Amino acid sequence: MLDKSIAYKSVVMRIECDKIEALGEATLPDGFSFRFFERSDVKHWGSIETSVLEFPSESEACSYFEMAYLPSLLELQKRCFFIINPDGIPIATATAWYSDSELGYQPILHWVAVRPEYQRKGLGKALTKKALNVFRSLESGKPVWLQTQTWSYPAIRLYHSLGFNIVKDERSVNMNTKDGVPKIYQTEFAEAMQVLRTVMKDSYVDELINTAV
């Protein structure tokens, strides 16, 4: 869930390829499983992303997905995946995506989300590790970027625990926008650290700063 009670500041993170290689396989609680994207999953993606407040409505989320990602169906079937609950319903998703822009080619982790009622079960960690394993298969030897924000500070903690570091002045890009114009994210390093001090212990923020690259 996004915490919009604090100031929004952009945060760009990166994990190096050696750390990806060292990660083990993703594991899930009993009864849960991974499944890659199927054509009928657009509505599931929209529902999950709306549940964590990334979109104001499911229809808007689905519209975005259909315009930005569905034209790349073959890539989606290799890169977008879901966690399925014991009842066979998708309840979490992530996408091991990429961009090729003025910043060069970047493997980028997109749209990691777990429905609120399934959070705090280790599913976010499993999603991220699964995505990094997909990157290891499809983008061997390359670092992986992600763009997040202070509103997602629990996710920052998760990503950092898996080996991502905040970058001080690099940028990442989302090529998949509704209007087709690449959206480039500049990290707001100093400002973001000040905001995070309001919701995290100073010692942990100091660790984020000391491990930034």
N, C-alpha and C. Protein backbone atom coordinates (compact mmCIF):
# COMPACT_ATOMS: atom_id res chain seq x y z
N MET A 1 0.84 -1.20 0.00
CA MET A 1 0.00 0.00 0.00
C MET A 1 0.87 1.25 0.00
N LEU A 2 0.40 2.25 -0.71
CA LEU A 2 1.12 3.52 -0.72
C LEU A 2 0.72 4.35 0.50
N ASP A 3 1.69 4.95 1.15
CA ASP A 3 1.43 5.84 2.28
C ASP A 3 1.52 7.28 1.77
N LYS A 4 0.37 7.83 1.38
CA LYS A 4 0.36 9.16 0.80
C LYS A 4 0.27 10.26 1.86
N SER A 5 0.46 9.89 3.12
CA SER A 5 0.47 10.89 4.19
C SER A 5 1.82 11.59 4.29
N ILE A 6 2.84 11.04 3.61
CA ILE A 6 4.16 11.66 3.63
C ILE A 6 4.45 12.26 2.25
N ALA A 7 5.50 13.05 2.16
CA ALA A 7 5.85 13.70 0.90
C ALA A 7 6.32 12.67 -0.13
N TYR A 8 5.96 12.91 -1.38
CA TYR A 8 6.40 12.06 -2.48
C TYR A 8 7.78 12.51 -2.95
N LYS A 9 8.72 11.58 -2.97
CA LYS A 9 10.03 11.82 -3.58
C LYS A 9 10.41 10.56 -4.34
N SER A 10 10.98 10.76 -5.52
CA SER A 10 11.36 9.63 -6.37
C SER A 10 12.64 8.97 -5.85
N VAL A 11 12.65 7.65 -5.91
CA VAL A 11 13.82 6.87 -5.49
C VAL A 11 14.14 5.86 -6.59
N VAL A 12 15.36 5.89 -7.08
CA VAL A 12 15.82 4.92 -8.07
C VAL A 12 16.79 3.97 -7.38
N MET A 13 16.63 2.67 -7.63
CA MET A 13 17.47 1.66 -7.00
C MET A 13 18.04 0.73 -8.08
N ARG A 14 19.15 0.08 -7.75
CA ARG A 14 19.80 -0.82 -8.70
C ARG A 14 20.43 -1.99 -7.94
N ILE A 15 20.37 -3.17 -8.55
CA ILE A 15 21.06 -4.34 -8.01
C ILE A 15 22.03 -4.83 -9.07
N GLU A 16 23.26 -5.13 -8.64
CA GLU A 16 24.29 -5.57 -9.58
C GLU A 16 24.11 -7.05 -9.92
N CYS A 17 24.66 -7.43 -11.07
CA CYS A 17 24.41 -8.77 -11.58
C CYS A 17 25.00 -9.85 -10.68
N ASP A 18 26.10 -9.57 -9.98
CA ASP A 18 26.67 -10.59 -9.11
C ASP A 18 25.75 -10.92 -7.94
N LYS A 19 25.03 -9.90 -7.45
CA LYS A 19 24.07 -10.15 -6.37
C LYS A 19 22.87 -10.94 -6.88
N ILE A 20 22.46 -10.68 -8.11
CA ILE A 20 21.36 -11.45 -8.70
C ILE A 20 21.76 -12.91 -8.82
N GLU A 21 22.98 -13.15 -9.28
CA GLU A 21 23.46 -14.52 -9.45
C GLU A 21 23.50 -15.27 -8.13
N ALA A 22 23.71 -14.53 -7.03
CA ALA A 22 23.85 -15.18 -5.72
C ALA A 22 22.52 -15.50 -5.06
N LEU A 23 21.42 -14.94 -5.59
CA LEU A 23 20.11 -15.18 -4.99
C LEU A 23 19.64 -16.61 -5.24
N GLY A 24 18.95 -17.15 -4.25
CA GLY A 24 18.36 -18.47 -4.43
C GLY A 24 17.02 -18.39 -5.14
N GLU A 25 16.38 -19.52 -5.26
CA GLU A 25 15.07 -19.58 -5.90
C GLU A 25 14.01 -18.98 -4.97
N ALA A 26 12.97 -18.44 -5.56
CA ALA A 26 11.85 -17.90 -4.78
C ALA A 26 10.99 -19.04 -4.25
N THR A 27 10.56 -18.91 -3.00
CA THR A 27 9.69 -19.92 -2.40
C THR A 27 8.40 -19.26 -1.92
N LEU A 28 7.33 -20.04 -1.93
CA LEU A 28 6.02 -19.54 -1.55
C LEU A 28 5.42 -20.40 -0.43
N PRO A 29 4.48 -19.83 0.34
CA PRO A 29 3.78 -20.64 1.34
C PRO A 29 3.01 -21.79 0.67
N ASP A 30 2.72 -22.81 1.43
CA ASP A 30 1.97 -23.94 0.90
C ASP A 30 0.66 -23.47 0.27
N GLY A 31 0.34 -24.02 -0.86
CA GLY A 31 -0.92 -23.71 -1.54
C GLY A 31 -0.83 -22.57 -2.53
N PHE A 32 0.26 -21.79 -2.48
CA PHE A 32 0.45 -20.68 -3.41
C PHE A 32 1.39 -21.11 -4.54
N SER A 33 1.23 -20.50 -5.69
CA SER A 33 2.07 -20.86 -6.84
C SER A 33 2.28 -19.66 -7.74
N PHE A 34 3.30 -19.76 -8.59
CA PHE A 34 3.55 -18.74 -9.61
C PHE A 34 2.90 -19.17 -10.93
N ARG A 35 2.46 -18.19 -11.70
CA ARG A 35 1.98 -18.44 -13.05
C ARG A 35 2.28 -17.23 -13.92
N PHE A 36 2.79 -17.47 -15.13
CA PHE A 36 3.07 -16.37 -16.04
C PHE A 36 1.78 -15.86 -16.68
N PHE A 37 1.87 -14.65 -17.23
CA PHE A 37 0.73 -13.92 -17.78
C PHE A 37 -0.02 -14.72 -18.85
N GLU A 38 -1.34 -14.66 -18.76
CA GLU A 38 -2.24 -15.18 -19.78
C GLU A 38 -3.13 -14.04 -20.25
N ARG A 39 -3.64 -14.16 -21.45
CA ARG A 39 -4.40 -13.06 -22.06
C ARG A 39 -5.55 -12.59 -21.18
N SER A 40 -6.15 -13.47 -20.43
CA SER A 40 -7.28 -13.11 -19.57
C SER A 40 -6.88 -12.43 -18.28
N ASP A 41 -5.58 -12.22 -18.07
CA ASP A 41 -5.10 -11.68 -16.79
C ASP A 41 -5.12 -10.16 -16.70
N VAL A 42 -5.52 -9.48 -17.76
CA VAL A 42 -5.54 -8.02 -17.70
C VAL A 42 -6.38 -7.55 -16.52
N LYS A 43 -7.56 -8.12 -16.36
CA LYS A 43 -8.45 -7.69 -15.26
C LYS A 43 -7.85 -8.01 -13.91
N HIS A 44 -7.11 -9.11 -13.81
CA HIS A 44 -6.48 -9.44 -12.53
C HIS A 44 -5.37 -8.44 -12.21
N TRP A 45 -4.59 -8.08 -13.23
CA TRP A 45 -3.54 -7.08 -13.03
C TRP A 45 -4.15 -5.76 -12.57
N GLY A 46 -5.21 -5.34 -13.24
CA GLY A 46 -5.86 -4.08 -12.88
C GLY A 46 -6.41 -4.10 -11.47
N SER A 47 -6.99 -5.22 -11.08
CA SER A 47 -7.56 -5.33 -9.73
C SER A 47 -6.47 -5.27 -8.66
N ILE A 48 -5.36 -5.98 -8.90
CA ILE A 48 -4.28 -6.00 -7.92
C ILE A 48 -3.65 -4.62 -7.78
N GLU A 49 -3.34 -3.98 -8.90
CA GLU A 49 -2.67 -2.67 -8.84
C GLU A 49 -3.59 -1.60 -8.25
N THR A 50 -4.88 -1.70 -8.50
CA THR A 50 -5.82 -0.74 -7.91
C THR A 50 -5.94 -0.96 -6.41
N SER A 51 -5.85 -2.21 -5.97
CA SER A 51 -5.99 -2.51 -4.54
C SER A 51 -4.87 -1.89 -3.71
N VAL A 52 -3.71 -1.64 -4.34
CA VAL A 52 -2.59 -1.02 -3.61
C VAL A 52 -2.46 0.47 -3.94
N LEU A 53 -3.51 1.04 -4.54
CA LEU A 53 -3.66 2.48 -4.78
C LEU A 53 -2.76 3.02 -5.88
N GLU A 54 -2.30 2.16 -6.78
CA GLU A 54 -1.50 2.64 -7.91
C GLU A 54 -2.38 3.31 -8.97
N PHE A 55 -3.66 2.97 -9.01
CA PHE A 55 -4.62 3.56 -9.94
C PHE A 55 -5.90 3.89 -9.19
N PRO A 56 -6.62 4.92 -9.64
CA PRO A 56 -7.88 5.27 -8.96
C PRO A 56 -9.02 4.31 -9.24
N SER A 57 -8.94 3.54 -10.32
CA SER A 57 -10.00 2.59 -10.65
C SER A 57 -9.43 1.43 -11.44
N GLU A 58 -10.12 0.29 -11.37
CA GLU A 58 -9.68 -0.87 -12.12
C GLU A 58 -9.76 -0.63 -13.62
N SER A 59 -10.76 0.10 -14.05
CA SER A 59 -10.90 0.36 -15.49
C SER A 59 -9.72 1.17 -16.01
N GLU A 60 -9.25 2.15 -15.21
CA GLU A 60 -8.10 2.94 -15.63
C GLU A 60 -6.84 2.09 -15.64
N ALA A 61 -6.70 1.22 -14.65
CA ALA A 61 -5.53 0.34 -14.61
C ALA A 61 -5.52 -0.59 -15.82
N CYS A 62 -6.66 -1.17 -16.15
CA CYS A 62 -6.74 -2.09 -17.29
C CYS A 62 -6.49 -1.35 -18.60
N SER A 63 -7.00 -0.14 -18.70
CA SER A 63 -6.79 0.66 -19.91
C SER A 63 -5.30 0.94 -20.10
N TYR A 64 -4.63 1.33 -19.01
CA TYR A 64 -3.19 1.57 -19.09
C TYR A 64 -2.46 0.31 -19.55
N PHE A 65 -2.77 -0.81 -18.94
CA PHE A 65 -2.07 -2.06 -19.24
C PHE A 65 -2.29 -2.45 -20.70
N GLU A 66 -3.52 -2.33 -21.16
CA GLU A 66 -3.83 -2.73 -22.54
C GLU A 66 -3.08 -1.88 -23.55
N MET A 67 -2.92 -0.60 -23.26
CA MET A 67 -2.23 0.30 -24.19
C MET A 67 -0.72 0.18 -24.09
N ALA A 68 -0.22 0.01 -22.86
CA ALA A 68 1.23 0.07 -22.64
C ALA A 68 1.93 -1.27 -22.78
N TYR A 69 1.26 -2.36 -22.42
CA TYR A 69 1.92 -3.65 -22.36
C TYR A 69 1.35 -4.72 -23.29
N LEU A 70 0.05 -4.72 -23.49
CA LEU A 70 -0.56 -5.82 -24.24
C LEU A 70 -0.03 -5.95 -25.67
N PRO A 71 0.38 -4.85 -26.33
CA PRO A 71 0.98 -5.04 -27.66
C PRO A 71 2.22 -5.92 -27.65
N SER A 72 2.84 -6.08 -26.49
CA SER A 72 4.05 -6.92 -26.36
C SER A 72 3.68 -8.25 -25.71
N LEU A 73 2.67 -8.91 -26.25
CA LEU A 73 2.12 -10.11 -25.62
C LEU A 73 3.16 -11.20 -25.42
N LEU A 74 3.99 -11.44 -26.43
CA LEU A 74 4.98 -12.50 -26.30
C LEU A 74 5.98 -12.21 -25.18
N GLU A 75 6.35 -10.94 -25.02
CA GLU A 75 7.24 -10.57 -23.92
C GLU A 75 6.53 -10.70 -22.58
N LEU A 76 5.26 -10.31 -22.52
CA LEU A 76 4.49 -10.42 -21.29
C LEU A 76 4.45 -11.87 -20.80
N GLN A 77 4.30 -12.78 -21.72
CA GLN A 77 4.19 -14.20 -21.34
C GLN A 77 5.49 -14.75 -20.78
N LYS A 78 6.59 -14.02 -20.97
CA LYS A 78 7.89 -14.43 -20.41
C LYS A 78 8.29 -13.60 -19.20
N ARG A 79 7.68 -12.41 -19.05
CA ARG A 79 8.20 -11.44 -18.09
C ARG A 79 7.21 -11.01 -17.02
N CYS A 80 5.93 -11.10 -17.26
CA CYS A 80 4.91 -10.72 -16.28
C CYS A 80 4.34 -11.98 -15.65
N PHE A 81 4.25 -12.00 -14.34
CA PHE A 81 3.77 -13.21 -13.66
C PHE A 81 2.95 -12.83 -12.44
N PHE A 82 2.27 -13.84 -11.90
CA PHE A 82 1.37 -13.66 -10.77
C PHE A 82 1.65 -14.72 -9.71
N ILE A 83 1.27 -14.39 -8.48
CA ILE A 83 1.14 -15.40 -7.44
C ILE A 83 -0.33 -15.77 -7.37
N ILE A 84 -0.60 -17.07 -7.39
CA ILE A 84 -1.96 -17.59 -7.36
C ILE A 84 -2.24 -18.15 -5.98
N ASN A 85 -3.38 -17.77 -5.38
CA ASN A 85 -3.71 -18.26 -4.04
C ASN A 85 -4.28 -19.68 -4.10
N PRO A 86 -4.52 -20.31 -2.95
CA PRO A 86 -5.01 -21.70 -2.96
C PRO A 86 -6.35 -21.88 -3.67
N ASP A 87 -7.11 -20.78 -3.87
CA ASP A 87 -8.37 -20.86 -4.58
C ASP A 87 -8.21 -20.62 -6.09
N GLY A 88 -6.98 -20.47 -6.54
CA GLY A 88 -6.73 -20.29 -7.96
C GLY A 88 -6.87 -18.86 -8.45
N ILE A 89 -6.85 -17.88 -7.53
CA ILE A 89 -7.04 -16.48 -7.89
C ILE A 89 -5.72 -15.73 -7.84
N PRO A 90 -5.37 -14.97 -8.87
CA PRO A 90 -4.15 -14.15 -8.82
C PRO A 90 -4.28 -13.04 -7.77
N ILE A 91 -3.29 -12.96 -6.87
CA ILE A 91 -3.39 -11.98 -5.78
C ILE A 91 -2.13 -11.11 -5.66
N ALA A 92 -1.17 -11.33 -6.54
CA ALA A 92 0.05 -10.52 -6.53
C ALA A 92 0.69 -10.62 -7.90
N THR A 93 1.47 -9.59 -8.26
CA THR A 93 2.06 -9.58 -9.58
C THR A 93 3.37 -8.78 -9.60
N ALA A 94 4.19 -9.06 -10.58
CA ALA A 94 5.41 -8.28 -10.86
C ALA A 94 5.78 -8.51 -12.31
N THR A 95 6.59 -7.60 -12.85
CA THR A 95 6.99 -7.70 -14.25
C THR A 95 8.49 -7.42 -14.38
N ALA A 96 9.20 -8.35 -14.98
CA ALA A 96 10.63 -8.22 -15.23
C ALA A 96 10.81 -7.58 -16.60
N TRP A 97 10.65 -6.26 -16.68
CA TRP A 97 10.55 -5.56 -17.95
C TRP A 97 11.89 -4.94 -18.35
N TYR A 98 11.88 -4.03 -19.29
CA TYR A 98 13.10 -3.45 -19.83
C TYR A 98 12.76 -2.14 -20.54
N SER A 99 13.78 -1.35 -20.82
CA SER A 99 13.60 -0.14 -21.63
C SER A 99 14.86 0.07 -22.46
N ASP A 100 14.70 0.78 -23.57
CA ASP A 100 15.83 1.12 -24.41
C ASP A 100 15.61 2.56 -24.86
N SER A 101 16.34 3.48 -24.23
CA SER A 101 16.08 4.90 -24.43
C SER A 101 17.41 5.65 -24.52
N GLU A 102 17.34 6.96 -24.35
CA GLU A 102 18.56 7.77 -24.32
C GLU A 102 19.48 7.37 -23.17
N LEU A 103 18.94 6.68 -22.18
CA LEU A 103 19.75 6.21 -21.06
C LEU A 103 20.44 4.89 -21.35
N GLY A 104 20.16 4.31 -22.53
CA GLY A 104 20.69 3.00 -22.86
C GLY A 104 19.70 1.90 -22.49
N TYR A 105 20.11 0.68 -22.66
CA TYR A 105 19.24 -0.47 -22.34
C TYR A 105 19.26 -0.72 -20.84
N GLN A 106 18.09 -0.82 -20.25
CA GLN A 106 17.98 -1.06 -18.81
C GLN A 106 16.95 -2.15 -18.53
N PRO A 107 17.34 -3.28 -17.94
CA PRO A 107 16.36 -4.18 -17.36
C PRO A 107 15.74 -3.49 -16.14
N ILE A 108 14.41 -3.44 -16.08
CA ILE A 108 13.75 -2.67 -15.02
C ILE A 108 12.62 -3.50 -14.40
N LEU A 109 12.62 -3.58 -13.10
CA LEU A 109 11.55 -4.24 -12.35
C LEU A 109 10.35 -3.31 -12.26
N HIS A 110 9.19 -3.78 -12.73
CA HIS A 110 7.98 -2.96 -12.79
C HIS A 110 6.85 -3.57 -11.97
N TRP A 111 6.04 -2.70 -11.39
CA TRP A 111 4.70 -3.03 -10.89
C TRP A 111 4.65 -4.22 -9.93
N VAL A 112 5.48 -4.20 -8.92
CA VAL A 112 5.43 -5.22 -7.87
C VAL A 112 4.28 -4.87 -6.92
N ALA A 113 3.34 -5.77 -6.77
CA ALA A 113 2.16 -5.46 -5.93
C ALA A 113 1.56 -6.74 -5.36
N VAL A 114 1.16 -6.65 -4.10
CA VAL A 114 0.48 -7.74 -3.38
C VAL A 114 -0.81 -7.17 -2.81
N ARG A 115 -1.92 -7.83 -3.05
CA ARG A 115 -3.18 -7.35 -2.50
C ARG A 115 -3.04 -7.16 -0.99
N PRO A 116 -3.62 -6.09 -0.42
CA PRO A 116 -3.41 -5.79 1.01
C PRO A 116 -3.70 -6.94 1.95
N GLU A 117 -4.74 -7.71 1.68
CA GLU A 117 -5.09 -8.79 2.59
C GLU A 117 -4.10 -9.94 2.58
N TYR A 118 -3.17 -9.93 1.61
CA TYR A 118 -2.16 -10.99 1.53
C TYR A 118 -0.75 -10.47 1.87
N GLN A 119 -0.66 -9.25 2.30
CA GLN A 119 0.64 -8.71 2.67
C GLN A 119 1.10 -9.26 4.02
N ARG A 120 2.38 -9.10 4.29
CA ARG A 120 3.02 -9.60 5.52
C ARG A 120 3.06 -11.13 5.58
N LYS A 121 3.08 -11.76 4.41
CA LYS A 121 3.22 -13.21 4.31
C LYS A 121 4.48 -13.62 3.55
N GLY A 122 5.34 -12.65 3.27
CA GLY A 122 6.55 -12.93 2.52
C GLY A 122 6.36 -12.99 1.02
N LEU A 123 5.18 -12.59 0.54
CA LEU A 123 4.90 -12.70 -0.89
C LEU A 123 5.63 -11.63 -1.70
N GLY A 124 5.81 -10.44 -1.12
CA GLY A 124 6.55 -9.39 -1.81
C GLY A 124 7.99 -9.82 -2.06
N LYS A 125 8.60 -10.44 -1.07
CA LYS A 125 9.96 -10.94 -1.22
C LYS A 125 10.02 -12.03 -2.28
N ALA A 126 9.04 -12.92 -2.26
CA ALA A 126 9.00 -14.00 -3.25
C ALA A 126 8.83 -13.44 -4.66
N LEU A 127 7.96 -12.44 -4.82
CA LEU A 127 7.76 -11.81 -6.13
C LEU A 127 9.06 -11.22 -6.65
N THR A 128 9.77 -10.49 -5.78
CA THR A 128 10.99 -9.82 -6.21
C THR A 128 12.07 -10.83 -6.56
N LYS A 129 12.22 -11.86 -5.76
CA LYS A 129 13.21 -12.88 -6.07
C LYS A 129 12.86 -13.61 -7.36
N LYS A 130 11.58 -13.90 -7.57
CA LYS A 130 11.16 -14.55 -8.81
C LYS A 130 11.49 -13.65 -10.00
N ALA A 131 11.19 -12.35 -9.89
CA ALA A 131 11.50 -11.42 -10.99
C ALA A 131 13.00 -11.39 -11.27
N LEU A 132 13.81 -11.37 -10.23
CA LEU A 132 15.25 -11.34 -10.43
C LEU A 132 15.76 -12.64 -11.05
N ASN A 133 15.10 -13.75 -10.75
CA ASN A 133 15.46 -15.00 -11.42
C ASN A 133 15.09 -14.96 -12.89
N VAL A 134 13.97 -14.30 -13.22
CA VAL A 134 13.60 -14.12 -14.63
C VAL A 134 14.64 -13.25 -15.32
N PHE A 135 15.04 -12.17 -14.67
CA PHE A 135 16.09 -11.32 -15.23
C PHE A 135 17.39 -12.12 -15.44
N ARG A 136 17.72 -12.95 -14.48
CA ARG A 136 18.95 -13.74 -14.60
C ARG A 136 18.91 -14.63 -15.83
N SER A 137 17.71 -15.12 -16.17
CA SER A 137 17.54 -15.97 -17.34
C SER A 137 17.54 -15.16 -18.64
N LEU A 138 16.83 -14.03 -18.64
CA LEU A 138 16.63 -13.26 -19.88
C LEU A 138 17.66 -12.17 -20.09
N GLU A 139 18.25 -11.67 -19.01
CA GLU A 139 19.17 -10.52 -19.08
C GLU A 139 20.46 -10.83 -18.34
N SER A 140 21.02 -11.98 -18.61
CA SER A 140 22.19 -12.44 -17.88
C SER A 140 23.34 -11.43 -17.94
N GLY A 141 23.94 -11.18 -16.78
CA GLY A 141 25.09 -10.31 -16.72
C GLY A 141 24.78 -8.83 -16.65
N LYS A 142 23.51 -8.47 -16.54
CA LYS A 142 23.12 -7.06 -16.52
C LYS A 142 22.57 -6.68 -15.15
N PRO A 143 22.88 -5.47 -14.66
CA PRO A 143 22.22 -4.99 -13.45
C PRO A 143 20.75 -4.70 -13.72
N VAL A 144 19.97 -4.61 -12.68
CA VAL A 144 18.53 -4.35 -12.80
C VAL A 144 18.19 -3.09 -12.02
N TRP A 145 17.39 -2.22 -12.63
CA TRP A 145 16.93 -0.99 -12.02
C TRP A 145 15.48 -1.12 -11.57
N LEU A 146 15.07 -0.23 -10.69
CA LEU A 146 13.66 -0.03 -10.39
C LEU A 146 13.47 1.41 -9.94
N GLN A 147 12.28 1.92 -10.18
CA GLN A 147 11.91 3.24 -9.67
C GLN A 147 10.81 3.05 -8.67
N THR A 148 11.00 3.62 -7.48
CA THR A 148 9.96 3.58 -6.46
C THR A 148 9.84 4.99 -5.88
N GLN A 149 9.27 5.10 -4.69
CA GLN A 149 9.05 6.42 -4.11
C GLN A 149 8.96 6.30 -2.59
N THR A 150 9.06 7.43 -1.94
CA THR A 150 8.97 7.43 -0.48
C THR A 150 7.63 6.88 0.01
N TRP A 151 6.57 7.05 -0.77
CA TRP A 151 5.28 6.50 -0.38
C TRP A 151 5.34 4.98 -0.18
N SER A 152 6.32 4.34 -0.83
CA SER A 152 6.47 2.88 -0.75
C SER A 152 7.66 2.49 0.13
N TYR A 153 7.81 3.16 1.25
CA TYR A 153 9.01 2.92 2.06
C TYR A 153 9.16 1.49 2.55
N PRO A 154 8.06 0.72 2.83
CA PRO A 154 8.29 -0.69 3.18
C PRO A 154 8.93 -1.46 2.02
N ALA A 155 8.57 -1.09 0.77
CA ALA A 155 9.17 -1.75 -0.39
C ALA A 155 10.64 -1.41 -0.51
N ILE A 156 11.01 -0.18 -0.16
CA ILE A 156 12.43 0.20 -0.20
C ILE A 156 13.22 -0.69 0.74
N ARG A 157 12.67 -0.93 1.93
CA ARG A 157 13.33 -1.82 2.90
C ARG A 157 13.47 -3.23 2.32
N LEU A 158 12.41 -3.72 1.68
CA LEU A 158 12.45 -5.06 1.08
C LEU A 158 13.51 -5.13 -0.01
N TYR A 159 13.48 -4.18 -0.94
CA TYR A 159 14.44 -4.22 -2.04
C TYR A 159 15.88 -4.14 -1.53
N HIS A 160 16.09 -3.30 -0.53
CA HIS A 160 17.44 -3.16 0.02
C HIS A 160 17.90 -4.46 0.67
N SER A 161 16.99 -5.16 1.33
CA SER A 161 17.34 -6.41 1.99
C SER A 161 17.76 -7.49 0.98
N LEU A 162 17.27 -7.36 -0.26
CA LEU A 162 17.59 -8.34 -1.30
C LEU A 162 18.82 -7.96 -2.12
N GLY A 163 19.39 -6.78 -1.85
CA GLY A 163 20.61 -6.41 -2.53
C GLY A 163 20.54 -5.18 -3.40
N PHE A 164 19.37 -4.55 -3.52
CA PHE A 164 19.28 -3.29 -4.25
C PHE A 164 19.90 -2.17 -3.42
N ASN A 165 20.53 -1.24 -4.10
CA ASN A 165 21.03 -0.03 -3.45
C ASN A 165 20.39 1.19 -4.10
N ILE A 166 20.15 2.21 -3.30
CA ILE A 166 19.67 3.48 -3.85
C ILE A 166 20.80 4.12 -4.64
N VAL A 167 20.47 4.67 -5.80
CA VAL A 167 21.48 5.37 -6.58
C VAL A 167 21.31 6.87 -6.36
N LYS A 168 22.44 7.56 -6.27
CA LYS A 168 22.41 8.97 -5.89
C LYS A 168 22.03 9.89 -7.03
N ASP A 169 22.46 9.57 -8.23
CA ASP A 169 22.23 10.52 -9.32
C ASP A 169 21.92 9.86 -10.66
N GLU A 170 21.74 8.54 -10.69
CA GLU A 170 21.37 7.90 -11.94
C GLU A 170 19.86 8.00 -12.15
N ARG A 171 19.45 7.70 -13.37
CA ARG A 171 18.04 7.78 -13.73
C ARG A 171 17.56 6.44 -14.26
N SER A 172 16.25 6.22 -14.19
CA SER A 172 15.66 5.07 -14.86
C SER A 172 14.47 5.57 -15.67
N VAL A 173 14.00 4.72 -16.58
CA VAL A 173 12.98 5.18 -17.51
C VAL A 173 11.87 4.14 -17.63
N ASN A 174 10.65 4.63 -17.80
CA ASN A 174 9.52 3.78 -18.12
C ASN A 174 9.13 4.07 -19.56
N MET A 175 9.39 3.12 -20.44
CA MET A 175 9.03 3.30 -21.85
C MET A 175 7.54 3.09 -22.08
N ASN A 176 6.89 2.36 -21.18
CA ASN A 176 5.52 1.94 -21.40
C ASN A 176 4.54 2.93 -20.78
N THR A 177 4.32 4.00 -21.49
CA THR A 177 3.38 5.03 -21.06
C THR A 177 2.22 5.09 -22.03
N LYS A 178 1.11 5.67 -21.59
CA LYS A 178 -0.08 5.73 -22.44
C LYS A 178 0.17 6.49 -23.73
N ASP A 179 0.96 7.56 -23.66
CA ASP A 179 1.17 8.38 -24.85
C ASP A 179 2.40 7.95 -25.65
N GLY A 180 3.09 6.91 -25.16
CA GLY A 180 4.24 6.40 -25.89
C GLY A 180 5.51 7.20 -25.70
N VAL A 181 5.46 8.26 -24.90
CA VAL A 181 6.64 9.08 -24.65
C VAL A 181 7.36 8.55 -23.41
N PRO A 182 8.64 8.20 -23.50
CA PRO A 182 9.35 7.66 -22.33
C PRO A 182 9.30 8.63 -21.15
N LYS A 183 9.05 8.08 -19.98
CA LYS A 183 9.04 8.88 -18.76
C LYS A 183 10.31 8.57 -17.99
N ILE A 184 11.17 9.57 -17.85
CA ILE A 184 12.45 9.37 -17.19
C ILE A 184 12.35 9.84 -15.74
N TYR A 185 12.75 8.97 -14.84
CA TYR A 185 12.71 9.27 -13.41
C TYR A 185 14.10 9.64 -12.92
N GLN A 186 14.20 10.79 -12.31
CA GLN A 186 15.44 11.23 -11.68
C GLN A 186 15.33 10.96 -10.18
N THR A 187 16.31 10.29 -9.62
CA THR A 187 16.26 10.05 -8.18
C THR A 187 16.38 11.39 -7.42
N GLU A 188 15.59 11.53 -6.37
CA GLU A 188 15.64 12.71 -5.50
C GLU A 188 16.29 12.28 -4.18
N PHE A 189 17.56 11.97 -4.27
CA PHE A 189 18.25 11.27 -3.19
C PHE A 189 18.19 12.00 -1.86
N ALA A 190 18.72 13.21 -1.80
CA ALA A 190 18.80 13.92 -0.52
C ALA A 190 17.42 14.19 0.06
N GLU A 191 16.50 14.63 -0.79
CA GLU A 191 15.15 14.93 -0.32
C GLU A 191 14.44 13.67 0.17
N ALA A 192 14.62 12.56 -0.57
CA ALA A 192 13.98 11.30 -0.18
C ALA A 192 14.49 10.81 1.17
N MET A 193 15.79 10.96 1.41
CA MET A 193 16.34 10.50 2.68
C MET A 193 15.75 11.28 3.86
N GLN A 194 15.53 12.57 3.65
CA GLN A 194 14.92 13.38 4.71
C GLN A 194 13.49 12.94 4.99
N VAL A 195 12.75 12.62 3.95
CA VAL A 195 11.37 12.14 4.14
C VAL A 195 11.38 10.79 4.84
N LEU A 196 12.28 9.90 4.44
CA LEU A 196 12.32 8.57 5.05
C LEU A 196 12.67 8.63 6.53
N ARG A 197 13.38 9.65 6.96
CA ARG A 197 13.69 9.78 8.39
C ARG A 197 12.43 10.00 9.22
N THR A 198 11.34 10.42 8.60
CA THR A 198 10.10 10.62 9.35
C THR A 198 9.34 9.32 9.58
N VAL A 199 9.71 8.25 8.84
CA VAL A 199 8.97 6.99 8.96
C VAL A 199 9.89 5.80 9.23
N MET A 200 11.20 6.01 9.22
CA MET A 200 12.16 4.95 9.49
C MET A 200 13.13 5.42 10.57
N LYS A 201 13.76 4.47 11.23
CA LYS A 201 14.78 4.82 12.21
C LYS A 201 15.96 5.49 11.53
N ASP A 202 16.55 6.47 12.22
CA ASP A 202 17.70 7.17 11.67
C ASP A 202 18.82 6.20 11.31
N SER A 203 19.01 5.18 12.13
CA SER A 203 20.10 4.24 11.88
C SER A 203 19.90 3.49 10.57
N TYR A 204 18.64 3.21 10.24
CA TYR A 204 18.38 2.50 8.98
C TYR A 204 18.56 3.43 7.79
N VAL A 205 18.09 4.67 7.92
CA VAL A 205 18.29 5.63 6.83
C VAL A 205 19.78 5.88 6.63
N ASP A 206 20.53 5.93 7.71
CA ASP A 206 21.98 6.08 7.59
C ASP A 206 22.57 4.91 6.80
N GLU A 207 22.04 3.71 7.03
CA GLU A 207 22.51 2.54 6.28
C GLU A 207 22.19 2.67 4.79
N LEU A 208 20.97 3.15 4.48
CA LEU A 208 20.62 3.38 3.08
C LEU A 208 21.58 4.36 2.43
N ILE A 209 21.91 5.41 3.17
CA ILE A 209 22.82 6.44 2.65
C ILE A 209 24.23 5.87 2.46
N ASN A 210 24.70 5.13 3.45
CA ASN A 210 26.06 4.61 3.41
C ASN A 210 26.26 3.54 2.33
N THR A 211 25.16 2.88 1.94
CA THR A 211 25.27 1.85 0.90
C THR A 211 24.81 2.36 -0.46
N ALA A 212 24.43 3.62 -0.55
CA ALA A 212 24.02 4.20 -1.83
C ALA A 212 25.21 4.23 -2.80
N VAL A 213 24.88 4.17 -4.07
CA VAL A 213 25.94 4.11 -5.09
C VAL A 213 25.81 5.28 -6.06
